[in-house]
Amino acid sequence: MFENADLSGAVLVGNLSGASLKNTKCSSARIEGFCQSVNIDGAKFEGADLTGISGENLTTCYFAAPPTYDAKTKFLDKFSPVESGWQPSSAPSQK
């Protein structure tokens, strides 16, 4: 559905169940709604607002390559990205 897309800053609201965000850049995006069984393989959620997705929905999402997030990514309090296998993004190198 959105594989390999750049959805940076986008607002996605509604039923995304069964969609694919594989390798999608969702930086600073706001995503809310029903999101069960979404493929988030390698997706990038740095700075994204995911507070509109229940933790229960997020735990049904699947991936082979972990999705990434950073300190600005917002989750509902009941969801732990670390416990769900998500990876914090690497800080950009400063030269």
PDB file of N, CA and C in Angstrom:
ATOM      1  N   MET A   1       0.822  -1.187   0.000  1.00  0.00           N
ATOM      2  CA  MET A   1       0.000   0.000   0.000  1.00  0.00           C
ATOM      3  C   MET A   1       0.872   1.260   0.000  1.00  0.00           C
ATOM      4  N   PHE A   2       1.758   1.404   0.981  1.00  0.00           N
ATOM      5  CA  PHE A   2       2.632   2.571   1.063  1.00  0.00           C
ATOM      6  C   PHE A   2       4.099   2.157   1.053  1.00  0.00           C
ATOM      7  N   GLU A   3       4.419   0.973   0.595  1.00  0.00           N
ATOM      8  CA  GLU A   3       5.798   0.482   0.661  1.00  0.00           C
ATOM      9  C   GLU A   3       6.763   1.447  -0.007  1.00  0.00           C
ATOM     10  N   ASN A   4       7.896   1.673   0.681  1.00  0.00           N
ATOM     11  CA  ASN A   4       8.991   2.516   0.186  1.00  0.00           C
ATOM     12  C   ASN A   4       8.584   3.971  -0.039  1.00  0.00           C
ATOM     13  N   ALA A   5       7.486   4.406   0.532  1.00  0.00           N
ATOM     14  CA  ALA A   5       7.019   5.783   0.350  1.00  0.00           C
ATOM     15  C   ALA A   5       7.662   6.718   1.370  1.00  0.00           C
ATOM     16  N   ASP A   6       7.642   7.998   1.066  1.00  0.00           N
ATOM     17  CA  ASP A   6       8.067   9.016   2.016  1.00  0.00           C
ATOM     18  C   ASP A   6       6.802   9.716   2.502  1.00  0.00           C
ATOM     19  N   LEU A   7       6.368   9.366   3.697  1.00  0.00           N
ATOM     20  CA  LEU A   7       5.173   9.947   4.296  1.00  0.00           C
ATOM     21  C   LEU A   7       5.540  10.935   5.398  1.00  0.00           C
ATOM     22  N   SER A   8       6.728  11.494   5.322  1.00  0.00           N
ATOM     23  CA  SER A   8       7.188  12.455   6.325  1.00  0.00           C
ATOM     24  C   SER A   8       6.194  13.602   6.442  1.00  0.00           C
ATOM     25  N   GLY A   9       5.743  13.860   7.671  1.00  0.00           N
ATOM     26  CA  GLY A   9       4.821  14.945   7.929  1.00  0.00           C
ATOM     27  C   GLY A   9       3.374  14.663   7.556  1.00  0.00           C
ATOM     28  N   ALA A  10       3.094  13.488   7.037  1.00  0.00           N
ATOM     29  CA  ALA A  10       1.730  13.147   6.620  1.00  0.00           C
ATOM     30  C   ALA A  10       0.828  12.906   7.826  1.00  0.00           C
ATOM     31  N   VAL A  11      -0.467  13.006   7.597  1.00  0.00           N
ATOM     32  CA  VAL A  11      -1.470  12.671   8.603  1.00  0.00           C
ATOM     33  C   VAL A  11      -2.283  11.525   8.027  1.00  0.00           C
ATOM     34  N   LEU A  12      -2.192  10.356   8.667  1.00  0.00           N
ATOM     35  CA  LEU A  12      -2.946   9.180   8.237  1.00  0.00           C
ATOM     36  C   LEU A  12      -3.959   8.849   9.314  1.00  0.00           C
ATOM     37  N   VAL A  13      -5.234   8.911   8.972  1.00  0.00           N
ATOM     38  CA  VAL A  13      -6.298   8.663   9.926  1.00  0.00           C
ATOM     39  C   VAL A  13      -7.272   7.669   9.312  1.00  0.00           C
ATOM     40  N   GLY A  14      -7.616   6.634  10.080  1.00  0.00           N
ATOM     41  CA  GLY A  14      -8.617   5.691   9.591  1.00  0.00           C
ATOM     42  C   GLY A  14      -8.208   4.258   9.824  1.00  0.00           C
ATOM     43  N   ASN A  15      -8.722   3.390   8.987  1.00  0.00           N
ATOM     44  CA  ASN A  15      -8.463   1.965   9.106  1.00  0.00           C
ATOM     45  C   ASN A  15      -7.307   1.584   8.198  1.00  0.00           C
ATOM     46  N   LEU A  16      -6.139   1.343   8.788  1.00  0.00           N
ATOM     47  CA  LEU A  16      -4.956   0.936   8.030  1.00  0.00           C
ATOM     48  C   LEU A  16      -4.666  -0.552   8.195  1.00  0.00           C
ATOM     49  N   SER A  17      -5.595  -1.286   8.792  1.00  0.00           N
ATOM     50  CA  SER A  17      -5.371  -2.710   9.049  1.00  0.00           C
ATOM     51  C   SER A  17      -5.012  -3.449   7.768  1.00  0.00           C
ATOM     52  N   GLY A  18      -3.951  -4.259   7.871  1.00  0.00           N
ATOM     53  CA  GLY A  18      -3.500  -5.050   6.742  1.00  0.00           C
ATOM     54  C   GLY A  18      -2.654  -4.276   5.744  1.00  0.00           C
ATOM     55  N   ALA A  19      -2.437  -2.993   5.984  1.00  0.00           N
ATOM     56  CA  ALA A  19      -1.631  -2.174   5.072  1.00  0.00           C
ATOM     57  C   ALA A  19      -0.156  -2.524   5.214  1.00  0.00           C
ATOM     58  N   SER A  20       0.632  -2.052   4.281  1.00  0.00           N
ATOM     59  CA  SER A  20       2.075  -2.230   4.364  1.00  0.00           C
ATOM     60  C   SER A  20       2.760  -0.874   4.389  1.00  0.00           C
ATOM     61  N   LEU A  21       3.552  -0.662   5.443  1.00  0.00           N
ATOM     62  CA  LEU A  21       4.417   0.513   5.557  1.00  0.00           C
ATOM     63  C   LEU A  21       5.878   0.076   5.458  1.00  0.00           C
ATOM     64  N   LYS A  22       6.110  -1.044   4.788  1.00  0.00           N
ATOM     65  CA  LYS A  22       7.463  -1.599   4.675  1.00  0.00           C
ATOM     66  C   LYS A  22       8.414  -0.569   4.076  1.00  0.00           C
ATOM     67  N   ASN A  23       9.512  -0.323   4.797  1.00  0.00           N
ATOM     68  CA  ASN A  23      10.560   0.614   4.377  1.00  0.00           C
ATOM     69  C   ASN A  23      10.030   2.020   4.111  1.00  0.00           C
ATOM     70  N   THR A  24       8.965   2.395   4.784  1.00  0.00           N
ATOM     71  CA  THR A  24       8.369   3.709   4.603  1.00  0.00           C
ATOM     72  C   THR A  24       8.946   4.695   5.608  1.00  0.00           C
ATOM     73  N   LYS A  25       9.184   5.905   5.164  1.00  0.00           N
ATOM     74  CA  LYS A  25       9.677   6.966   6.035  1.00  0.00           C
ATOM     75  C   LYS A  25       8.461   7.730   6.564  1.00  0.00           C
ATOM     76  N   CYS A  26       8.197   7.574   7.860  1.00  0.00           N
ATOM     77  CA  CYS A  26       7.051   8.216   8.511  1.00  0.00           C
ATOM     78  C   CYS A  26       7.515   9.265   9.513  1.00  0.00           C
ATOM     79  N   SER A  27       8.648   9.884   9.245  1.00  0.00           N
ATOM     80  CA  SER A  27       9.203  10.893  10.150  1.00  0.00           C
ATOM     81  C   SER A  27       8.235  12.058  10.318  1.00  0.00           C
ATOM     82  N   SER A  28       7.978  12.422  11.562  1.00  0.00           N
ATOM     83  CA  SER A  28       7.089  13.525  11.919  1.00  0.00           C
ATOM     84  C   SER A  28       5.663  13.350  11.402  1.00  0.00           C
ATOM     85  N   ALA A  29       5.282  12.133  11.080  1.00  0.00           N
ATOM     86  CA  ALA A  29       3.906  11.861  10.645  1.00  0.00           C
ATOM     87  C   ALA A  29       3.014  11.678  11.873  1.00  0.00           C
ATOM     88  N   ARG A  30       1.716  11.871  11.669  1.00  0.00           N
ATOM     89  CA  ARG A  30       0.733  11.563  12.713  1.00  0.00           C
ATOM     90  C   ARG A  30      -0.139  10.455  12.157  1.00  0.00           C
ATOM     91  N   ILE A  31      -0.175   9.338  12.887  1.00  0.00           N
ATOM     92  CA  ILE A  31      -0.952   8.183  12.442  1.00  0.00           C
ATOM     93  C   ILE A  31      -1.914   7.812  13.556  1.00  0.00           C
ATOM     94  N   GLU A  32      -3.190   7.682  13.196  1.00  0.00           N
ATOM     95  CA  GLU A  32      -4.172   7.293  14.196  1.00  0.00           C
ATOM     96  C   GLU A  32      -5.276   6.477  13.545  1.00  0.00           C
ATOM     97  N   GLY A  33      -5.808   5.584  14.345  1.00  0.00           N
ATOM     98  CA  GLY A  33      -6.911   4.767  13.850  1.00  0.00           C
ATOM     99  C   GLY A  33      -6.702   3.301  14.164  1.00  0.00           C
ATOM    100  N   PHE A  34      -7.345   2.485  13.392  1.00  0.00           N
ATOM    101  CA  PHE A  34      -7.319   1.042  13.554  1.00  0.00           C
ATOM    102  C   PHE A  34      -6.168   0.510  12.719  1.00  0.00           C
ATOM    103  N   CYS A  35      -5.152  -0.041  13.360  1.00  0.00           N
ATOM    104  CA  CYS A  35      -3.914  -0.424  12.666  1.00  0.00           C
ATOM    105  C   CYS A  35      -3.458  -1.825  13.054  1.00  0.00           C
ATOM    106  N   GLN A  36      -4.318  -2.806  12.899  1.00  0.00           N
ATOM    107  CA  GLN A  36      -3.925  -4.170  13.229  1.00  0.00           C
ATOM    108  C   GLN A  36      -3.261  -4.841  12.024  1.00  0.00           C
ATOM    109  N   SER A  37      -2.270  -5.677  12.337  1.00  0.00           N
ATOM    110  CA  SER A  37      -1.576  -6.487  11.328  1.00  0.00           C
ATOM    111  C   SER A  37      -0.997  -5.659  10.188  1.00  0.00           C
ATOM    112  N   VAL A  38      -0.380  -4.544  10.534  1.00  0.00           N
ATOM    113  CA  VAL A  38       0.276  -3.696   9.541  1.00  0.00           C
ATOM    114  C   VAL A  38       1.735  -4.132   9.426  1.00  0.00           C
ATOM    115  N   ASN A  39       2.227  -4.263   8.202  1.00  0.00           N
ATOM    116  CA  ASN A  39       3.625  -4.591   7.968  1.00  0.00           C
ATOM    117  C   ASN A  39       4.442  -3.314   8.152  1.00  0.00           C
ATOM    118  N   ILE A  40       5.249  -3.265   9.209  1.00  0.00           N
ATOM    119  CA  ILE A  40       6.085  -2.093   9.485  1.00  0.00           C
ATOM    120  C   ILE A  40       7.572  -2.454   9.356  1.00  0.00           C
ATOM    121  N   ASP A  41       7.865  -3.421   8.512  1.00  0.00           N
ATOM    122  CA  ASP A  41       9.218  -3.900   8.279  1.00  0.00           C
ATOM    123  C   ASP A  41      10.124  -2.751   7.823  1.00  0.00           C
ATOM    124  N   GLY A  42      11.098  -2.379   8.650  1.00  0.00           N
ATOM    125  CA  GLY A  42      12.073  -1.353   8.304  1.00  0.00           C
ATOM    126  C   GLY A  42      11.532   0.069   8.235  1.00  0.00           C
ATOM    127  N   ALA A  43      10.313   0.290   8.710  1.00  0.00           N
ATOM    128  CA  ALA A  43       9.732   1.645   8.670  1.00  0.00           C
ATOM    129  C   ALA A  43      10.461   2.566   9.647  1.00  0.00           C
ATOM    130  N   LYS A  44      10.476   3.845   9.325  1.00  0.00           N
ATOM    131  CA  LYS A  44      11.163   4.846  10.155  1.00  0.00           C
ATOM    132  C   LYS A  44      10.122   5.795  10.737  1.00  0.00           C
ATOM    133  N   PHE A  45      10.019   5.787  12.077  1.00  0.00           N
ATOM    134  CA  PHE A  45       9.013   6.585  12.773  1.00  0.00           C
ATOM    135  C   PHE A  45       9.629   7.697  13.623  1.00  0.00           C
ATOM    136  N   GLU A  46      10.788   8.224  13.241  1.00  0.00           N
ATOM    137  CA  GLU A  46      11.439   9.262  14.008  1.00  0.00           C
ATOM    138  C   GLU A  46      10.550  10.512  14.069  1.00  0.00           C
ATOM    139  N   GLY A  47      10.246  10.955  15.283  1.00  0.00           N
ATOM    140  CA  GLY A  47       9.433  12.142  15.481  1.00  0.00           C
ATOM    141  C   GLY A  47       7.952  11.966  15.190  1.00  0.00           C
ATOM    142  N   ALA A  48       7.525  10.748  14.916  1.00  0.00           N
ATOM    143  CA  ALA A  48       6.117  10.502  14.589  1.00  0.00           C
ATOM    144  C   ALA A  48       5.241  10.529  15.837  1.00  0.00           C
ATOM    145  N   ASP A  49       3.991  10.907  15.652  1.00  0.00           N
ATOM    146  CA  ASP A  49       2.997  10.875  16.728  1.00  0.00           C
ATOM    147  C   ASP A  49       2.105   9.666  16.498  1.00  0.00           C
ATOM    148  N   LEU A  50       2.317   8.632  17.308  1.00  0.00           N
ATOM    149  CA  LEU A  50       1.550   7.390  17.190  1.00  0.00           C
ATOM    150  C   LEU A  50       0.584   7.230  18.354  1.00  0.00           C
ATOM    151  N   THR A  51       0.276   8.333  19.047  1.00  0.00           N
ATOM    152  CA  THR A  51      -0.609   8.258  20.214  1.00  0.00           C
ATOM    153  C   THR A  51      -2.057   7.958  19.826  1.00  0.00           C
ATOM    154  N   GLY A  52      -2.376   8.028  18.557  1.00  0.00           N
ATOM    155  CA  GLY A  52      -3.722   7.708  18.096  1.00  0.00           C
ATOM    156  C   GLY A  52      -3.892   6.246  17.738  1.00  0.00           C
ATOM    157  N   ILE A  53      -2.873   5.432  18.044  1.00  0.00           N
ATOM    158  CA  ILE A  53      -2.939   3.988  17.795  1.00  0.00           C
ATOM    159  C   ILE A  53      -2.819   3.285  19.131  1.00  0.00           C
ATOM    160  N   SER A  54      -3.736   2.414  19.424  1.00  0.00           N
ATOM    161  CA  SER A  54      -3.671   1.711  20.708  1.00  0.00           C
ATOM    162  C   SER A  54      -2.448   0.802  20.741  1.00  0.00           C
ATOM    163  N   GLY A  55      -1.905   0.624  21.935  1.00  0.00           N
ATOM    164  CA  GLY A  55      -0.774  -0.284  22.107  1.00  0.00           C
ATOM    165  C   GLY A  55      -1.129  -1.691  21.667  1.00  0.00           C
ATOM    166  N   GLU A  56      -2.377  -2.067  21.886  1.00  0.00           N
ATOM    167  CA  GLU A  56      -2.841  -3.395  21.459  1.00  0.00           C
ATOM    168  C   GLU A  56      -2.735  -3.527  19.943  1.00  0.00           C
ATOM    169  N   ASN A  57      -3.111  -2.488  19.211  1.00  0.00           N
ATOM    170  CA  ASN A  57      -2.979  -2.511  17.752  1.00  0.00           C
ATOM    171  C   ASN A  57      -1.519  -2.579  17.337  1.00  0.00           C
ATOM    172  N   LEU A  58      -0.661  -1.778  17.982  1.00  0.00           N
ATOM    173  CA  LEU A  58       0.751  -1.768  17.615  1.00  0.00           C
ATOM    174  C   LEU A  58       1.421  -3.119  17.838  1.00  0.00           C
ATOM    175  N   THR A  59       0.987  -3.855  18.845  1.00  0.00           N
ATOM    176  CA  THR A  59       1.613  -5.161  19.090  1.00  0.00           C
ATOM    177  C   THR A  59       1.223  -6.195  18.040  1.00  0.00           C
ATOM    178  N   THR A  60       0.194  -5.933  17.238  1.00  0.00           N
ATOM    179  CA  THR A  60      -0.171  -6.867  16.166  1.00  0.00           C
ATOM    180  C   THR A  60       0.589  -6.572  14.879  1.00  0.00           C
ATOM    181  N   CYS A  61       1.278  -5.434  14.818  1.00  0.00           N
ATOM    182  CA  CYS A  61       2.066  -5.095  13.642  1.00  0.00           C
ATOM    183  C   CYS A  61       3.263  -6.036  13.568  1.00  0.00           C
ATOM    184  N   TYR A  62       3.729  -6.302  12.360  1.00  0.00           N
ATOM    185  CA  TYR A  62       4.813  -7.277  12.213  1.00  0.00           C
ATOM    186  C   TYR A  62       5.936  -6.723  11.347  1.00  0.00           C
ATOM    187  N   PHE A  63       7.108  -7.328  11.514  1.00  0.00           N
ATOM    188  CA  PHE A  63       8.287  -6.887  10.782  1.00  0.00           C
ATOM    189  C   PHE A  63       9.369  -7.945  10.863  1.00  0.00           C
ATOM    190  N   ALA A  64      10.271  -7.946   9.870  1.00  0.00           N
ATOM    191  CA  ALA A  64      11.489  -8.752   9.908  1.00  0.00           C
ATOM    192  C   ALA A  64      12.635  -7.837  10.339  1.00  0.00           C
ATOM    193  N   ALA A  65      12.756  -6.685   9.659  1.00  0.00           N
ATOM    194  CA  ALA A  65      13.735  -5.660  10.052  1.00  0.00           C
ATOM    195  C   ALA A  65      13.004  -4.696  10.987  1.00  0.00           C
ATOM    196  N   PRO A  66      13.528  -4.480  12.190  1.00  0.00           N
ATOM    197  CA  PRO A  66      12.826  -3.650  13.170  1.00  0.00           C
ATOM    198  C   PRO A  66      12.562  -2.232  12.671  1.00  0.00           C
ATOM    199  N   PRO A  67      11.386  -1.706  12.966  1.00  0.00           N
ATOM    200  CA  PRO A  67      11.134  -0.293  12.694  1.00  0.00           C
ATOM    201  C   PRO A  67      11.965   0.548  13.661  1.00  0.00           C
ATOM    202  N   THR A  68      12.236   1.798  13.289  1.00  0.00           N
ATOM    203  CA  THR A  68      13.036   2.666  14.151  1.00  0.00           C
ATOM    204  C   THR A  68      12.198   3.834  14.666  1.00  0.00           C
ATOM    205  N   TYR A  69      12.663   4.381  15.784  1.00  0.00           N
ATOM    206  CA  TYR A  69      12.009   5.515  16.437  1.00  0.00           C
ATOM    207  C   TYR A  69      13.079   6.315  17.147  1.00  0.00           C
ATOM    208  N   ASP A  70      12.723   7.493  17.645  1.00  0.00           N
ATOM    209  CA  ASP A  70      13.679   8.285  18.420  1.00  0.00           C
ATOM    210  C   ASP A  70      12.988   8.883  19.639  1.00  0.00           C
ATOM    211  N   ALA A  71      13.701   9.736  20.345  1.00  0.00           N
ATOM    212  CA  ALA A  71      13.170  10.328  21.578  1.00  0.00           C
ATOM    213  C   ALA A  71      11.952  11.217  21.325  1.00  0.00           C
ATOM    214  N   LYS A  72      11.777  11.692  20.104  1.00  0.00           N
ATOM    215  CA  LYS A  72      10.632  12.543  19.775  1.00  0.00           C
ATOM    216  C   LYS A  72       9.401  11.746  19.341  1.00  0.00           C
ATOM    217  N   THR A  73       9.564  10.458  19.116  1.00  0.00           N
ATOM    218  CA  THR A  73       8.426   9.623  18.720  1.00  0.00           C
ATOM    219  C   THR A  73       7.490   9.483  19.905  1.00  0.00           C
ATOM    220  N   LYS A  74       6.194   9.681  19.671  1.00  0.00           N
ATOM    221  CA  LYS A  74       5.204   9.619  20.746  1.00  0.00           C
ATOM    222  C   LYS A  74       4.368   8.347  20.630  1.00  0.00           C
ATOM    223  N   PHE A  75       4.321   7.614  21.746  1.00  0.00           N
ATOM    224  CA  PHE A  75       3.505   6.404  21.856  1.00  0.00           C
ATOM    225  C   PHE A  75       2.544   6.569  23.023  1.00  0.00           C
ATOM    226  N   LEU A  76       1.473   5.796  23.029  1.00  0.00           N
ATOM    227  CA  LEU A  76       0.639   5.728  24.227  1.00  0.00           C
ATOM    228  C   LEU A  76       1.459   5.101  25.342  1.00  0.00           C
ATOM    229  N   ASP A  77       1.196   5.479  26.570  1.00  0.00           N
ATOM    230  CA  ASP A  77       1.970   5.001  27.718  1.00  0.00           C
ATOM    231  C   ASP A  77       2.016   3.481  27.837  1.00  0.00           C
ATOM    232  N   LYS A  78       1.003   2.792  27.372  1.00  0.00           N
ATOM    233  CA  LYS A  78       0.941   1.342  27.548  1.00  0.00           C
ATOM    234  C   LYS A  78       1.768   0.566  26.522  1.00  0.00           C
ATOM    235  N   PHE A  79       2.393   1.244  25.555  1.00  0.00           N
ATOM    236  CA  PHE A  79       3.176   0.559  24.526  1.00  0.00           C
ATOM    237  C   PHE A  79       4.660   0.789  24.762  1.00  0.00           C
ATOM    238  N   SER A  80       5.424  -0.298  24.763  1.00  0.00           N
ATOM    239  CA  SER A  80       6.875  -0.200  24.904  1.00  0.00           C
ATOM    240  C   SER A  80       7.523  -0.629  23.591  1.00  0.00           C
ATOM    241  N   PRO A  81       8.099   0.306  22.836  1.00  0.00           N
ATOM    242  CA  PRO A  81       8.739  -0.083  21.585  1.00  0.00           C
ATOM    243  C   PRO A  81       9.907  -1.051  21.805  1.00  0.00           C
ATOM    244  N   VAL A  82      10.639  -0.875  22.899  1.00  0.00           N
ATOM    245  CA  VAL A  82      11.777  -1.760  23.183  1.00  0.00           C
ATOM    246  C   VAL A  82      11.294  -3.194  23.386  1.00  0.00           C
ATOM    247  N   GLU A  83      10.258  -3.369  24.200  1.00  0.00           N
ATOM    248  CA  GLU A  83       9.732  -4.709  24.457  1.00  0.00           C
ATOM    249  C   GLU A  83       9.114  -5.327  23.201  1.00  0.00           C
ATOM    250  N   SER A  84       8.706  -4.495  22.264  1.00  0.00           N
ATOM    251  CA  SER A  84       8.091  -4.991  21.029  1.00  0.00           C
ATOM    252  C   SER A  84       9.111  -5.195  19.911  1.00  0.00           C
ATOM    253  N   GLY A  85      10.390  -4.964  20.201  1.00  0.00           N
ATOM    254  CA  GLY A  85      11.442  -5.236  19.229  1.00  0.00           C
ATOM    255  C   GLY A  85      11.808  -4.088  18.308  1.00  0.00           C
ATOM    256  N   TRP A  86      11.250  -2.910  18.559  1.00  0.00           N
ATOM    257  CA  TRP A  86      11.608  -1.748  17.765  1.00  0.00           C
ATOM    258  C   TRP A  86      13.021  -1.307  18.150  1.00  0.00           C
ATOM    259  N   GLN A  87      13.699  -0.616  17.254  1.00  0.00           N
ATOM    260  CA  GLN A  87      15.067  -0.165  17.507  1.00  0.00           C
ATOM    261  C   GLN A  87      15.141   1.354  17.538  1.00  0.00           C
ATOM    262  N   PRO A  88      15.844   1.899  18.542  1.00  0.00           N
ATOM    263  CA  PRO A  88      16.060   3.352  18.519  1.00  0.00           C
ATOM    264  C   PRO A  88      16.973   3.687  17.335  1.00  0.00           C
ATOM    265  N   SER A  89      16.704   4.812  16.698  1.00  0.00           N
ATOM    266  CA  SER A  89      17.532   5.196  15.560  1.00  0.00           C
ATOM    267  C   SER A  89      18.893   5.675  16.041  1.00  0.00           C
ATOM    268  N   SER A  90      19.851   5.556  15.208  1.00  0.00           N
ATOM    269  CA  SER A  90      21.202   6.023  15.530  1.00  0.00           C
ATOM    270  C   SER A  90      21.245   7.531  15.395  1.00  0.00           C
ATOM    271  N   ALA A  91      21.970   8.156  16.282  1.00  0.00           N
ATOM    272  CA  ALA A  91      22.156   9.603  16.181  1.00  0.00           C
ATOM    273  C   ALA A  91      22.991   9.887  14.950  1.00  0.00           C
ATOM    274  N   PRO A  92      22.658  10.944  14.215  1.00  0.00           N
ATOM    275  CA  PRO A  92      23.461  11.269  13.044  1.00  0.00           C
ATOM    276  C   PRO A  92      24.879  11.625  13.455  1.00  0.00           C
ATOM    277  N   SER A  93      25.822  11.232  12.637  1.00  0.00           N
ATOM    278  CA  SER A  93      27.212  11.536  12.965  1.00  0.00           C
ATOM    279  C   SER A  93      27.475  13.013  12.775  1.00  0.00           C
ATOM    280  N   GLN A  94      28.266  13.575  13.673  1.00  0.00           N
ATOM    281  CA  GLN A  94      28.609  14.996  13.615  1.00  0.00           C
ATOM    282  C   GLN A  94      30.054  15.113  13.144  1.00  0.00           C
ATOM    283  N   LYS A  95      30.266  15.798  12.061  1.00  0.00           N
ATOM    284  CA  LYS A  95      31.631  15.953  11.533  1.00  0.00           C
ATOM    285  C   LYS A  95      32.025  17.401  11.536  1.00  0.00           C
TER     286      LYS A  95
END
